[in-house]
């Protein structure tokens, strides 16, 4: 995958700590890993919000049906795990 060169400004004390903890990784590797983690965390938060919105907007009937399916699934799982 193609790489792009960027320039960032970072507080010296943070950069010193990063360099000390680098374990042989380059600054570029560290920044790339950190950005990938940030993107992953952000996507997870978005999914969590979407799930929360889905369940918040459900009617009482839909919540009841979901509960019934959950209970049925739990009973079936209990039967198959023995």
C-alpha atoms as a PDB file:
ATOM      1  CA  UNK A   1       0.000   0.000   0.000  1.00  0.00           C
ATOM      2  CA  UNK A   2       1.279   3.458  -0.847  1.00  0.00           C
ATOM      3  CA  UNK A   3       2.558   5.647   1.946  1.00  0.00           C
ATOM      4  CA  UNK A   4       2.275   9.416   2.276  1.00  0.00           C
ATOM      5  CA  UNK A   5       4.797  11.545   4.084  1.00  0.00           C
ATOM      6  CA  UNK A   6       3.283  13.914   6.641  1.00  0.00           C
ATOM      7  CA  UNK A   7       4.651  16.336   9.155  1.00  0.00           C
ATOM      8  CA  UNK A   8       3.231  16.631  12.667  1.00  0.00           C
ATOM      9  CA  UNK A   9       4.070  18.774  15.648  1.00  0.00           C
ATOM     10  CA  UNK A  10       4.277  16.928  18.950  1.00  0.00           C
ATOM     11  CA  UNK A  11       5.154  18.158  22.409  1.00  0.00           C
ATOM     12  CA  UNK A  12       8.787  17.258  23.149  1.00  0.00           C
ATOM     13  CA  UNK A  13       8.020  15.476  26.409  1.00  0.00           C
ATOM     14  CA  UNK A  14       5.532  13.222  24.612  1.00  0.00           C
ATOM     15  CA  UNK A  15       8.021  12.497  21.850  1.00  0.00           C
ATOM     16  CA  UNK A  16      10.714  11.673  24.427  1.00  0.00           C
ATOM     17  CA  UNK A  17       8.390   9.172  26.117  1.00  0.00           C
ATOM     18  CA  UNK A  18       7.448   7.655  22.746  1.00  0.00           C
ATOM     19  CA  UNK A  19      11.119   7.248  21.826  1.00  0.00           C
ATOM     20  CA  UNK A  20      11.841   5.569  25.167  1.00  0.00           C
ATOM     21  CA  UNK A  21       8.957   3.115  24.710  1.00  0.00           C
ATOM     22  CA  UNK A  22       9.535   2.487  20.987  1.00  0.00           C
ATOM     23  CA  UNK A  23      10.920  -1.074  21.357  1.00  0.00           C
ATOM     24  CA  UNK A  24      12.739  -0.775  18.046  1.00  0.00           C
ATOM     25  CA  UNK A  25       9.804   0.666  16.113  1.00  0.00           C
ATOM     26  CA  UNK A  26      10.257   3.762  14.045  1.00  0.00           C
ATOM     27  CA  UNK A  27       8.265   6.883  14.838  1.00  0.00           C
ATOM     28  CA  UNK A  28       6.377   6.317  11.587  1.00  0.00           C
ATOM     29  CA  UNK A  29       5.356   2.814  12.672  1.00  0.00           C
ATOM     30  CA  UNK A  30       4.232   4.113  16.056  1.00  0.00           C
ATOM     31  CA  UNK A  31       2.177   6.928  14.549  1.00  0.00           C
ATOM     32  CA  UNK A  32       0.626   4.593  11.967  1.00  0.00           C
ATOM     33  CA  UNK A  33      -0.320   2.040  14.626  1.00  0.00           C
ATOM     34  CA  UNK A  34      -1.756   4.768  16.840  1.00  0.00           C
ATOM     35  CA  UNK A  35      -3.850   6.156  13.978  1.00  0.00           C
ATOM     36  CA  UNK A  36      -5.124   2.700  13.024  1.00  0.00           C
ATOM     37  CA  UNK A  37      -6.096   2.091  16.649  1.00  0.00           C
ATOM     38  CA  UNK A  38      -7.819   5.477  16.814  1.00  0.00           C
ATOM     39  CA  UNK A  39      -9.799   4.687  13.646  1.00  0.00           C
ATOM     40  CA  UNK A  40     -10.762   1.267  14.988  1.00  0.00           C
ATOM     41  CA  UNK A  41     -11.864   2.732  18.331  1.00  0.00           C
ATOM     42  CA  UNK A  42     -13.839   5.431  16.527  1.00  0.00           C
ATOM     43  CA  UNK A  43     -15.618   2.858  14.367  1.00  0.00           C
ATOM     44  CA  UNK A  44     -16.432   0.792  17.449  1.00  0.00           C
ATOM     45  CA  UNK A  45     -17.932   3.853  19.163  1.00  0.00           C
ATOM     46  CA  UNK A  46     -20.036   4.513  16.055  1.00  0.00           C
ATOM     47  CA  UNK A  47     -21.288   0.931  16.047  1.00  0.00           C
ATOM     48  CA  UNK A  48     -22.068   1.145  19.755  1.00  0.00           C
ATOM     49  CA  UNK A  49     -24.083   4.318  19.145  1.00  0.00           C
ATOM     50  CA  UNK A  50     -25.962   2.697  16.257  1.00  0.00           C
ATOM     51  CA  UNK A  51     -26.796  -0.336  18.392  1.00  0.00           C
ATOM     52  CA  UNK A  52     -27.913   1.900  21.245  1.00  0.00           C
ATOM     53  CA  UNK A  53     -30.111   3.919  18.869  1.00  0.00           C
ATOM     54  CA  UNK A  54     -31.621   0.726  17.450  1.00  0.00           C
ATOM     55  CA  UNK A  55     -32.619  -0.586  20.850  1.00  0.00           C
ATOM     56  CA  UNK A  56     -33.741   2.821  22.116  1.00  0.00           C
ATOM     57  CA  UNK A  57     -36.115   3.213  19.167  1.00  0.00           C
ATOM     58  CA  UNK A  58     -37.681  -0.238  19.526  1.00  0.00           C
ATOM     59  CA  UNK A  59     -41.300  -0.557  20.521  1.00  0.00           C
ATOM     60  CA  UNK A  60     -42.236  -2.515  23.638  1.00  0.00           C
ATOM     61  CA  UNK A  61     -43.451  -5.325  21.375  1.00  0.00           C
ATOM     62  CA  UNK A  62     -40.085  -5.490  19.592  1.00  0.00           C
ATOM     63  CA  UNK A  63     -38.208  -5.516  22.916  1.00  0.00           C
ATOM     64  CA  UNK A  64     -40.410  -8.326  24.157  1.00  0.00           C
ATOM     65  CA  UNK A  65     -39.813 -10.360  20.992  1.00  0.00           C
ATOM     66  CA  UNK A  66     -36.052  -9.801  21.269  1.00  0.00           C
ATOM     67  CA  UNK A  67     -36.175 -10.984  24.879  1.00  0.00           C
ATOM     68  CA  UNK A  68     -38.031 -14.140  23.848  1.00  0.00           C
ATOM     69  CA  UNK A  69     -35.458 -14.882  21.144  1.00  0.00           C
ATOM     70  CA  UNK A  70     -32.621 -14.295  23.601  1.00  0.00           C
ATOM     71  CA  UNK A  71     -34.144 -16.689  26.115  1.00  0.00           C
ATOM     72  CA  UNK A  72     -34.756 -19.335  23.441  1.00  0.00           C
ATOM     73  CA  UNK A  73     -31.181 -18.975  22.201  1.00  0.00           C
ATOM     74  CA  UNK A  74     -29.824 -19.296  25.735  1.00  0.00           C
ATOM     75  CA  UNK A  75     -31.856 -22.471  26.330  1.00  0.00           C
ATOM     76  CA  UNK A  76     -30.677 -23.968  23.037  1.00  0.00           C
ATOM     77  CA  UNK A  77     -27.087 -23.058  23.756  1.00  0.00           C
ATOM     78  CA  UNK A  78     -27.378 -24.729  27.158  1.00  0.00           C
ATOM     79  CA  UNK A  79     -28.636 -27.920  25.498  1.00  0.00           C
ATOM     80  CA  UNK A  80     -25.839 -28.041  22.929  1.00  0.00           C
ATOM     81  CA  UNK A  81     -22.957 -27.175  25.251  1.00  0.00           C
ATOM     82  CA  UNK A  82     -23.449 -30.215  27.490  1.00  0.00           C
END
